[in-house]
PDB file of N, CA and C in Angstrom:
ATOM      1  N   UNK A   1      -9.816  50.491  48.000  1.00  0.00           N
ATOM      2  CA  UNK A   1      -9.648  50.615  46.461  1.00  0.00           C
ATOM      3  C   UNK A   1     -10.860  51.315  46.182  1.00  0.00           C
ATOM      4  N   UNK A   2     -10.458  52.243  45.057  1.00  0.00           N
ATOM      5  CA  UNK A   2     -11.504  52.894  44.783  1.00  0.00           C
ATOM      6  C   UNK A   2     -11.988  52.377  43.218  1.00  0.00           C
ATOM      7  N   UNK A   3     -13.120  53.149  42.724  1.00  0.00           N
ATOM      8  CA  UNK A   3     -13.574  52.132  41.704  1.00  0.00           C
ATOM      9  C   UNK A   3     -12.648  52.366  40.052  1.00  0.00           C
ATOM     10  N   UNK A   4     -11.868  53.588  39.845  1.00  0.00           N
ATOM     11  CA  UNK A   4     -11.200  53.561  39.048  1.00  0.00           C
ATOM     12  C   UNK A   4      -9.990  52.314  38.795  1.00  0.00           C
ATOM     13  N   UNK A   5      -9.311  52.312  40.283  1.00  0.00           N
ATOM     14  CA  UNK A   5      -8.703  51.205  40.026  1.00  0.00           C
ATOM     15  C   UNK A   5      -9.220  49.721  39.772  1.00  0.00           C
ATOM     16  N   UNK A   6     -10.418  49.425  40.123  1.00  0.00           N
ATOM     17  CA  UNK A   6     -11.208  48.282  40.026  1.00  0.00           C
ATOM     18  C   UNK A   6     -11.125  48.240  38.357  1.00  0.00           C
ATOM     19  N   UNK A   7     -11.702  49.179  38.225  1.00  0.00           N
ATOM     20  CA  UNK A   7     -11.875  49.693  36.367  1.00  0.00           C
ATOM     21  C   UNK A   7     -10.730  49.269  35.713  1.00  0.00           C
ATOM     22  N   UNK A   8      -9.606  49.762  36.117  1.00  0.00           N
ATOM     23  CA  UNK A   8      -8.063  49.313  35.564  1.00  0.00           C
ATOM     24  C   UNK A   8      -7.646  48.110  35.483  1.00  0.00           C
ATOM     25  N   UNK A   9      -8.029  47.253  36.838  1.00  0.00           N
ATOM     26  CA  UNK A   9      -7.984  45.827  37.246  1.00  0.00           C
ATOM     27  C   UNK A   9      -8.765  45.410  35.959  1.00  0.00           C
ATOM     28  N   UNK A  10     -10.015  45.573  35.994  1.00  0.00           N
ATOM     29  CA  UNK A  10     -11.286  44.712  35.121  1.00  0.00           C
ATOM     30  C   UNK A  10     -10.474  44.870  33.519  1.00  0.00           C
ATOM     31  N   UNK A  11      -9.954  45.938  32.565  1.00  0.00           N
ATOM     32  CA  UNK A  11      -9.515  46.429  31.800  1.00  0.00           C
ATOM     33  C   UNK A  11      -8.219  45.392  31.518  1.00  0.00           C
ATOM     34  N   UNK A  12      -7.350  45.523  32.721  1.00  0.00           N
ATOM     35  CA  UNK A  12      -6.034  44.599  32.596  1.00  0.00           C
ATOM     36  C   UNK A  12      -6.222  43.257  32.348  1.00  0.00           C
ATOM     37  N   UNK A  13      -7.450  42.777  33.402  1.00  0.00           N
ATOM     38  CA  UNK A  13      -7.554  41.432  33.632  1.00  0.00           C
ATOM     39  C   UNK A  13      -8.311  41.189  32.094  1.00  0.00           C
ATOM     40  N   UNK A  14      -9.227  41.597  31.706  1.00  0.00           N
ATOM     41  CA  UNK A  14      -9.797  41.529  30.232  1.00  0.00           C
ATOM     42  C   UNK A  14      -8.749  41.540  29.070  1.00  0.00           C
ATOM     43  N   UNK A  15      -7.682  42.288  29.221  1.00  0.00           N
ATOM     44  CA  UNK A  15      -6.864  42.256  28.097  1.00  0.00           C
ATOM     45  C   UNK A  15      -6.077  41.210  28.037  1.00  0.00           C
ATOM     46  N   UNK A  16      -5.098  40.828  29.165  1.00  0.00           N
ATOM     47  CA  UNK A  16      -4.752  39.610  29.770  1.00  0.00           C
ATOM     48  C   UNK A  16      -5.521  38.248  29.259  1.00  0.00           C
ATOM     49  N   UNK A  17      -6.477  38.150  29.445  1.00  0.00           N
ATOM     50  CA  UNK A  17      -7.374  37.275  28.917  1.00  0.00           C
ATOM     51  C   UNK A  17      -7.386  36.839  27.302  1.00  0.00           C
ATOM     52  N   UNK A  18      -7.389  37.977  26.848  1.00  0.00           N
ATOM     53  CA  UNK A  18      -7.898  38.205  25.737  1.00  0.00           C
ATOM     54  C   UNK A  18      -6.714  38.006  24.777  1.00  0.00           C
ATOM     55  N   UNK A  19      -5.380  38.568  25.119  1.00  0.00           N
ATOM     56  CA  UNK A  19      -4.249  38.250  24.788  1.00  0.00           C
ATOM     57  C   UNK A  19      -3.990  36.422  24.709  1.00  0.00           C
ATOM     58  N   UNK A  20      -4.231  36.057  25.807  1.00  0.00           N
ATOM     59  CA  UNK A  20      -3.768  34.704  25.959  1.00  0.00           C
ATOM     60  C   UNK A  20      -4.545  33.415  25.367  1.00  0.00           C
ATOM     61  N   UNK A  21      -6.204  33.999  25.148  1.00  0.00           N
ATOM     62  CA  UNK A  21      -7.083  33.498  24.307  1.00  0.00           C
ATOM     63  C   UNK A  21      -6.454  33.522  22.721  1.00  0.00           C
ATOM     64  N   UNK A  22      -5.949  34.615  22.555  1.00  0.00           N
ATOM     65  CA  UNK A  22      -5.458  35.004  21.205  1.00  0.00           C
ATOM     66  C   UNK A  22      -4.146  33.839  20.845  1.00  0.00           C
ATOM     67  N   UNK A  23      -3.122  34.036  21.633  1.00  0.00           N
ATOM     68  CA  UNK A  23      -1.951  33.204  21.478  1.00  0.00           C
ATOM     69  C   UNK A  23      -2.219  31.557  21.341  1.00  0.00           C
ATOM     70  N   UNK A  24      -3.229  31.456  22.288  1.00  0.00           N
ATOM     71  CA  UNK A  24      -4.042  29.818  22.230  1.00  0.00           C
ATOM     72  C   UNK A  24      -4.622  29.509  20.820  1.00  0.00           C
ATOM     73  N   UNK A  25      -5.295  30.329  20.397  1.00  0.00           N
ATOM     74  CA  UNK A  25      -5.861  30.258  18.961  1.00  0.00           C
ATOM     75  C   UNK A  25      -4.822  29.958  17.896  1.00  0.00           C
ATOM     76  N   UNK A  26      -3.768  30.929  18.228  1.00  0.00           N
ATOM     77  CA  UNK A  26      -2.471  31.249  16.930  1.00  0.00           C
ATOM     78  C   UNK A  26      -1.771  29.815  16.795  1.00  0.00           C
ATOM     79  N   UNK A  27      -1.474  29.040  18.501  1.00  0.00           N
ATOM     80  CA  UNK A  27      -1.172  27.848  18.666  1.00  0.00           C
ATOM     81  C   UNK A  27      -1.736  27.249  18.142  1.00  0.00           C
ATOM     82  N   UNK A  28      -3.525  26.767  18.143  1.00  0.00           N
ATOM     83  CA  UNK A  28      -3.823  25.870  17.670  1.00  0.00           C
ATOM     84  C   UNK A  28      -4.028  25.564  16.144  1.00  0.00           C
ATOM     85  N   UNK A  29      -4.210  26.645  15.540  1.00  0.00           N
ATOM     86  CA  UNK A  29      -4.123  27.334  14.265  1.00  0.00           C
ATOM     87  C   UNK A  29      -2.719  26.286  13.707  1.00  0.00           C
ATOM     88  N   UNK A  30      -1.625  26.961  14.340  1.00  0.00           N
ATOM     89  CA  UNK A  30      -0.218  26.196  13.603  1.00  0.00           C
ATOM     90  C   UNK A  30      -0.351  24.775  14.169  1.00  0.00           C
ATOM     91  N   UNK A  31      -0.651  24.170  14.882  1.00  0.00           N
ATOM     92  CA  UNK A  31      -0.792  22.641  15.087  1.00  0.00           C
ATOM     93  C   UNK A  31      -1.867  22.268  13.997  1.00  0.00           C
ATOM     94  N   UNK A  32      -3.050  22.903  13.855  1.00  0.00           N
ATOM     95  CA  UNK A  32      -3.994  21.982  12.999  1.00  0.00           C
ATOM     96  C   UNK A  32      -3.367  22.237  11.232  1.00  0.00           C
ATOM     97  N   UNK A  33      -2.311  22.929  11.157  1.00  0.00           N
ATOM     98  CA  UNK A  33      -1.688  23.245   9.987  1.00  0.00           C
ATOM     99  C   UNK A  33      -0.757  22.052   9.685  1.00  0.00           C
ATOM    100  N   UNK A  34       0.371  22.061  10.711  1.00  0.00           N
ATOM    101  CA  UNK A  34       1.277  20.980  10.937  1.00  0.00           C
ATOM    102  C   UNK A  34       0.660  19.388  10.826  1.00  0.00           C
ATOM    103  N   UNK A  35      -0.316  19.350  11.974  1.00  0.00           N
ATOM    104  CA  UNK A  35      -1.212  18.236  11.672  1.00  0.00           C
ATOM    105  C   UNK A  35      -1.305  17.729  10.525  1.00  0.00           C
ATOM    106  N   UNK A  36      -2.299  18.518   9.826  1.00  0.00           N
ATOM    107  CA  UNK A  36      -3.034  18.105   8.296  1.00  0.00           C
ATOM    108  C   UNK A  36      -1.725  17.961   7.381  1.00  0.00           C
ATOM    109  N   UNK A  37      -0.644  18.575   7.417  1.00  0.00           N
ATOM    110  CA  UNK A  37       0.655  18.474   6.779  1.00  0.00           C
ATOM    111  C   UNK A  37       1.132  17.070   6.982  1.00  0.00           C
ATOM    112  N   UNK A  38       1.324  16.497   8.297  1.00  0.00           N
ATOM    113  CA  UNK A  38       1.538  15.508   8.944  1.00  0.00           C
ATOM    114  C   UNK A  38       0.894  14.153   8.391  1.00  0.00           C
ATOM    115  N   UNK A  39      -0.134  14.728   8.036  1.00  0.00           N
ATOM    116  CA  UNK A  39      -1.447  13.189   7.676  1.00  0.00           C
ATOM    117  C   UNK A  39      -1.249  13.078   6.583  1.00  0.00           C
ATOM    118  N   UNK A  40      -1.284  14.328   5.577  1.00  0.00           N
ATOM    119  CA  UNK A  40      -1.344  14.137   4.169  1.00  0.00           C
ATOM    120  C   UNK A  40       0.050  13.529   3.847  1.00  0.00           C
ATOM    121  N   UNK A  41       1.378  13.896   4.627  1.00  0.00           N
ATOM    122  CA  UNK A  41       2.597  13.334   4.172  1.00  0.00           C
ATOM    123  C   UNK A  41       2.616  11.722   4.561  1.00  0.00           C
ATOM    124  N   UNK A  42       2.062  11.186   5.789  1.00  0.00           N
ATOM    125  CA  UNK A  42       1.657   9.975   6.040  1.00  0.00           C
ATOM    126  C   UNK A  42       0.832   8.968   4.893  1.00  0.00           C
ATOM    127  N   UNK A  43      -0.316   9.736   4.512  1.00  0.00           N
ATOM    128  CA  UNK A  43      -1.289   9.602   2.957  1.00  0.00           C
ATOM    129  C   UNK A  43      -0.570   8.932   2.061  1.00  0.00           C
ATOM    130  N   UNK A  44       0.101   9.869   1.945  1.00  0.00           N
ATOM    131  CA  UNK A  44       0.996   9.528   0.617  1.00  0.00           C
ATOM    132  C   UNK A  44       2.222   8.440   0.955  1.00  0.00           C
ATOM    133  N   UNK A  45       2.458   8.258   1.912  1.00  0.00           N
ATOM    134  CA  UNK A  45       3.990   7.513   2.051  1.00  0.00           C
ATOM    135  C   UNK A  45       2.893   5.949   2.104  1.00  0.00           C
ATOM    136  N   UNK A  46       1.954   5.883   2.678  1.00  0.00           N
ATOM    137  CA  UNK A  46       0.890   4.653   3.155  1.00  0.00           C
ATOM    138  C   UNK A  46       0.400   3.937   1.680  1.00  0.00           C
ATOM    139  N   UNK A  47       0.262   5.198   0.580  1.00  0.00           N
ATOM    140  CA  UNK A  47      -0.340   4.934  -0.706  1.00  0.00           C
ATOM    141  C   UNK A  47       0.838   4.397  -1.708  1.00  0.00           C
ATOM    142  N   UNK A  48       1.929   4.737  -1.691  1.00  0.00           N
ATOM    143  CA  UNK A  48       3.474   4.679  -2.228  1.00  0.00           C
ATOM    144  C   UNK A  48       3.625   3.333  -1.445  1.00  0.00           C
ATOM    145  N   UNK A  49       3.809   2.662  -0.347  1.00  0.00           N
ATOM    146  CA  UNK A  49       4.123   1.580   0.105  1.00  0.00           C
ATOM    147  C   UNK A  49       2.616   0.930  -0.448  1.00  0.00           C
ATOM    148  N   UNK A  50       1.766   0.826  -0.272  1.00  0.00           N
ATOM    149  CA  UNK A  50       0.333  -0.149  -0.569  1.00  0.00           C
ATOM    150  C   UNK A  50       0.823  -0.237  -2.345  1.00  0.00           C
ATOM    151  N   UNK A  51       1.217   1.114  -3.039  1.00  0.00           N
ATOM    152  CA  UNK A  51       1.716   0.667  -4.636  1.00  0.00           C
ATOM    153  C   UNK A  51       2.685  -0.241  -5.181  1.00  0.00           C
ATOM    154  N   UNK A  52       3.662  -0.159  -4.007  1.00  0.00           N
ATOM    155  CA  UNK A  52       4.731  -0.863  -3.974  1.00  0.00           C
ATOM    156  C   UNK A  52       4.809  -2.615  -3.919  1.00  0.00           C
ATOM    157  N   UNK A  53       3.814  -2.450  -2.740  1.00  0.00           N
ATOM    158  CA  UNK A  53       2.898  -3.849  -2.602  1.00  0.00           C
ATOM    159  C   UNK A  53       3.016  -4.688  -3.639  1.00  0.00           C
ATOM    160  N   UNK A  54       1.773  -4.017  -4.214  1.00  0.00           N
ATOM    161  CA  UNK A  54       0.462  -4.238  -5.243  1.00  0.00           C
ATOM    162  C   UNK A  54       1.756  -4.689  -6.434  1.00  0.00           C
ATOM    163  N   UNK A  55       2.797  -4.053  -6.707  1.00  0.00           N
ATOM    164  CA  UNK A  55       3.405  -4.127  -7.891  1.00  0.00           C
ATOM    165  C   UNK A  55       4.658  -5.405  -7.461  1.00  0.00           C
ATOM    166  N   UNK A  56       4.960  -5.626  -6.283  1.00  0.00           N
ATOM    167  CA  UNK A  56       5.841  -6.717  -5.777  1.00  0.00           C
ATOM    168  C   UNK A  56       5.147  -8.105  -6.153  1.00  0.00           C
ATOM    169  N   UNK A  57       3.453  -7.926  -5.667  1.00  0.00           N
ATOM    170  CA  UNK A  57       2.707  -8.987  -5.568  1.00  0.00           C
ATOM    171  C   UNK A  57       2.557  -9.329  -7.050  1.00  0.00           C
ATOM    172  N   UNK A  58       2.235  -8.840  -7.821  1.00  0.00           N
ATOM    173  CA  UNK A  58       2.056  -8.758  -9.333  1.00  0.00           C
ATOM    174  C   UNK A  58       3.197  -9.330 -10.053  1.00  0.00           C
ATOM    175  N   UNK A  59       4.582  -8.843  -9.735  1.00  0.00           N
ATOM    176  CA  UNK A  59       5.782  -9.830 -10.025  1.00  0.00           C
ATOM    177  C   UNK A  59       5.782 -10.662  -9.566  1.00  0.00           C
ATOM    178  N   UNK A  60       5.505 -11.542  -8.550  1.00  0.00           N
ATOM    179  CA  UNK A  60       5.429 -13.032  -7.719  1.00  0.00           C
ATOM    180  C   UNK A  60       4.350 -13.565  -8.480  1.00  0.00           C
ATOM    181  N   UNK A  61       3.282 -13.062  -9.029  1.00  0.00           N
ATOM    182  CA  UNK A  61       2.207 -13.805  -9.618  1.00  0.00           C
ATOM    183  C   UNK A  61       2.797 -14.139 -10.731  1.00  0.00           C
ATOM    184  N   UNK A  62       3.355 -13.158 -11.515  1.00  0.00           N
ATOM    185  CA  UNK A  62       3.499 -13.521 -12.923  1.00  0.00           C
ATOM    186  C   UNK A  62       4.997 -14.527 -13.019  1.00  0.00           C
ATOM    187  N   UNK A  63       5.964 -14.421 -11.833  1.00  0.00           N
ATOM    188  CA  UNK A  63       6.641 -15.267 -11.848  1.00  0.00           C
ATOM    189  C   UNK A  63       6.530 -16.859 -11.530  1.00  0.00           C
ATOM    190  N   UNK A  64       5.350 -16.879 -10.632  1.00  0.00           N
ATOM    191  CA  UNK A  64       4.836 -18.356 -10.397  1.00  0.00           C
ATOM    192  C   UNK A  64       3.748 -18.744 -11.587  1.00  0.00           C
ATOM    193  N   UNK A  65       3.275 -17.895 -12.418  1.00  0.00           N
ATOM    194  CA  UNK A  65       2.621 -18.320 -13.576  1.00  0.00           C
ATOM    195  C   UNK A  65       3.273 -18.344 -14.613  1.00  0.00           C
ATOM    196  N   UNK A  66       4.477 -17.869 -14.622  1.00  0.00           N
ATOM    197  CA  UNK A  66       5.463 -18.511 -15.810  1.00  0.00           C
ATOM    198  C   UNK A  66       5.983 -19.991 -15.394  1.00  0.00           C
ATOM    199  N   UNK A  67       6.329 -19.971 -14.356  1.00  0.00           N
ATOM    200  CA  UNK A  67       6.928 -20.923 -13.651  1.00  0.00           C
ATOM    201  C   UNK A  67       6.280 -22.406 -14.004  1.00  0.00           C
ATOM    202  N   UNK A  68       4.928 -22.317 -13.556  1.00  0.00           N
ATOM    203  CA  UNK A  68       3.331 -22.936 -14.120  1.00  0.00           C
ATOM    204  C   UNK A  68       3.292 -23.388 -15.165  1.00  0.00           C
ATOM    205  N   UNK A  69       3.526 -22.382 -16.237  1.00  0.00           N
ATOM    206  CA  UNK A  69       3.269 -22.511 -17.622  1.00  0.00           C
ATOM    207  C   UNK A  69       4.481 -23.424 -18.252  1.00  0.00           C
ATOM    208  N   UNK A  70       5.828 -23.121 -17.974  1.00  0.00           N
ATOM    209  CA  UNK A  70       6.779 -23.685 -18.273  1.00  0.00           C
ATOM    210  C   UNK A  70       6.786 -25.341 -17.703  1.00  0.00           C
ATOM    211  N   UNK A  71       6.519 -25.587 -16.539  1.00  0.00           N
ATOM    212  CA  UNK A  71       6.220 -26.931 -15.971  1.00  0.00           C
ATOM    213  C   UNK A  71       5.315 -27.390 -16.983  1.00  0.00           C
ATOM    214  N   UNK A  72       4.095 -26.850 -17.498  1.00  0.00           N
ATOM    215  CA  UNK A  72       2.966 -27.800 -18.104  1.00  0.00           C
ATOM    216  C   UNK A  72       3.344 -27.957 -19.471  1.00  0.00           C
ATOM    217  N   UNK A  73       4.480 -26.963 -20.029  1.00  0.00           N
ATOM    218  CA  UNK A  73       4.864 -27.169 -21.422  1.00  0.00           C
ATOM    219  C   UNK A  73       5.843 -28.359 -21.474  1.00  0.00           C
ATOM    220  N   UNK A  74       6.693 -28.459 -20.191  1.00  0.00           N
ATOM    221  CA  UNK A  74       7.782 -29.928 -20.141  1.00  0.00           C
ATOM    222  C   UNK A  74       7.088 -30.732 -19.887  1.00  0.00           C
ATOM    223  N   UNK A  75       5.812 -30.869 -19.081  1.00  0.00           N
ATOM    224  CA  UNK A  75       5.049 -32.101 -18.738  1.00  0.00           C
ATOM    225  C   UNK A  75       4.306 -32.618 -20.273  1.00  0.00           C
ATOM    226  N   UNK A  76       3.898 -32.058 -20.807  1.00  0.00           N
ATOM    227  CA  UNK A  76       3.175 -31.940 -21.943  1.00  0.00           C
ATOM    228  C   UNK A  76       4.295 -32.421 -22.818  1.00  0.00           C
ATOM    229  N   UNK A  77       5.353 -31.979 -22.826  1.00  0.00           N
ATOM    230  CA  UNK A  77       6.321 -32.454 -24.338  1.00  0.00           C
ATOM    231  C   UNK A  77       6.852 -34.034 -24.048  1.00  0.00           C
ATOM    232  N   UNK A  78       7.031 -34.133 -22.642  1.00  0.00           N
ATOM    233  CA  UNK A  78       6.988 -35.804 -22.000  1.00  0.00           C
ATOM    234  C   UNK A  78       5.960 -36.525 -22.005  1.00  0.00           C
ATOM    235  N   UNK A  79       4.850 -36.114 -22.149  1.00  0.00           N
ATOM    236  CA  UNK A  79       3.963 -36.666 -22.330  1.00  0.00           C
ATOM    237  C   UNK A  79       3.504 -37.225 -23.969  1.00  0.00           C
ATOM    238  N   UNK A  80       3.782 -36.138 -24.818  1.00  0.00           N
ATOM    239  CA  UNK A  80       3.925 -36.497 -26.061  1.00  0.00           C
ATOM    240  C   UNK A  80       4.740 -37.420 -26.454  1.00  0.00           C
ATOM    241  N   UNK A  81       5.933 -36.975 -25.886  1.00  0.00           N
ATOM    242  CA  UNK A  81       7.161 -38.363 -26.484  1.00  0.00           C
ATOM    243  C   UNK A  81       6.530 -39.427 -26.029  1.00  0.00           C
ATOM    244  N   UNK A  82       6.074 -39.783 -24.856  1.00  0.00           N
ATOM    245  CA  UNK A  82       5.750 -40.891 -24.307  1.00  0.00           C
ATOM    246  C   UNK A  82       4.719 -41.866 -25.420  1.00  0.00           C
ATOM    247  N   UNK A  83       3.651 -40.847 -25.673  1.00  0.00           N
ATOM    248  CA  UNK A  83       2.684 -41.334 -26.662  1.00  0.00           C
ATOM    249  C   UNK A  83       2.994 -41.560 -28.130  1.00  0.00           C
ATOM    250  N   UNK A  84       4.270 -40.998 -28.618  1.00  0.00           N
ATOM    251  CA  UNK A  84       4.813 -41.031 -29.829  1.00  0.00           C
ATOM    252  C   UNK A  84       5.682 -42.641 -29.369  1.00  0.00           C
ATOM    253  N   UNK A  85       6.643 -42.643 -28.611  1.00  0.00           N
ATOM    254  CA  UNK A  85       7.308 -43.736 -28.435  1.00  0.00           C
ATOM    255  C   UNK A  85       6.404 -45.331 -28.187  1.00  0.00           C
ATOM    256  N   UNK A  86       4.854 -45.112 -27.482  1.00  0.00           N
ATOM    257  CA  UNK A  86       3.916 -46.113 -27.877  1.00  0.00           C
ATOM    258  C   UNK A  86       3.398 -46.461 -28.771  1.00  0.00           C
ATOM    259  N   UNK A  87       3.182 -44.974 -29.561  1.00  0.00           N
ATOM    260  CA  UNK A  87       2.491 -45.417 -31.018  1.00  0.00           C
ATOM    261  C   UNK A  87       3.606 -46.248 -31.899  1.00  0.00           C
ATOM    262  N   UNK A  88       4.740 -45.918 -31.767  1.00  0.00           N
ATOM    263  CA  UNK A  88       5.751 -46.621 -32.827  1.00  0.00           C
ATOM    264  C   UNK A  88       5.627 -48.132 -32.006  1.00  0.00           C
ATOM    265  N   UNK A  89       5.971 -48.434 -30.899  1.00  0.00           N
ATOM    266  CA  UNK A  89       5.543 -49.844 -30.407  1.00  0.00           C
ATOM    267  C   UNK A  89       4.557 -50.804 -30.824  1.00  0.00           C
ATOM    268  N   UNK A  90       3.361 -49.443 -30.884  1.00  0.00           N
ATOM    269  CA  UNK A  90       2.169 -50.382 -31.310  1.00  0.00           C
ATOM    270  C   UNK A  90       2.475 -51.060 -32.821  1.00  0.00           C
ATOM    271  N   UNK A  91       2.992 -49.794 -33.591  1.00  0.00           N
ATOM    272  CA  UNK A  91       2.696 -50.412 -34.875  1.00  0.00           C
ATOM    273  C   UNK A  91       3.592 -51.366 -35.122  1.00  0.00           C
ATOM    274  N   UNK A  92       5.044 -51.523 -34.557  1.00  0.00           N
ATOM    275  CA  UNK A  92       5.917 -52.677 -34.825  1.00  0.00           C
ATOM    276  C   UNK A  92       5.302 -53.793 -34.457  1.00  0.00           C
ATOM    277  N   UNK A  93       4.512 -53.714 -33.107  1.00  0.00           N
ATOM    278  CA  UNK A  93       3.760 -55.059 -32.917  1.00  0.00           C
ATOM    279  C   UNK A  93       2.676 -55.581 -33.905  1.00  0.00           C
ATOM    280  N   UNK A  94       1.902 -54.463 -34.514  1.00  0.00           N
ATOM    281  CA  UNK A  94       1.032 -54.559 -35.386  1.00  0.00           C
ATOM    282  C   UNK A  94       1.553 -55.273 -36.822  1.00  0.00           C
ATOM    283  N   UNK A  95       3.111 -54.635 -37.121  1.00  0.00           N
ATOM    284  CA  UNK A  95       3.469 -55.640 -38.421  1.00  0.00           C
ATOM    285  C   UNK A  95       3.917 -56.945 -38.044  1.00  0.00           C
ATOM    286  N   UNK A  96       4.336 -57.216 -36.565  1.00  0.00           N
ATOM    287  CA  UNK A  96       4.535 -58.483 -36.424  1.00  0.00           C
ATOM    288  C   UNK A  96       3.489 -59.248 -36.549  1.00  0.00           C
ATOM    289  N   UNK A  97       2.410 -59.134 -36.073  1.00  0.00           N
ATOM    290  CA  UNK A  97       1.516 -60.007 -36.064  1.00  0.00           C
ATOM    291  C   UNK A  97       0.880 -60.381 -37.473  1.00  0.00           C
ATOM    292  N   UNK A  98       1.065 -59.173 -38.422  1.00  0.00           N
ATOM    293  CA  UNK A  98       0.300 -59.520 -39.602  1.00  0.00           C
ATOM    294  C   UNK A  98       1.153 -59.620 -40.245  1.00  0.00           C
TER     295      UNK A  98
END
C-alpha cells in the first residue's frame, strides 16, 4: 500500500466516523426533545388527576359536613322538644302541688 492510498483510507475512515457521530447526535437530540415532550405531557396529566382528586375529596368532605350538620340539627330539635315536654310536665306537677 502506498501512502496516497493510506491517506485516502484515513480520510474515508475519518469522514465515516464523523458522519456516524453526527447521525448519532441528531438522534440523541430528537430523543431528548421527544422525551421532554412526553415528560411535560405526563406532568400535565398528573397535575390534572391530582386536581380532580382534590376536588373529589372536597366534594366528599362537603357532603359529610352537610350530613353531620343535618344530624346535629335533628338531634338538637329532638332534645329541644324533649326539654319542652319535661317543662310542661314539671309545670303541671307544680300546679297540682300548689
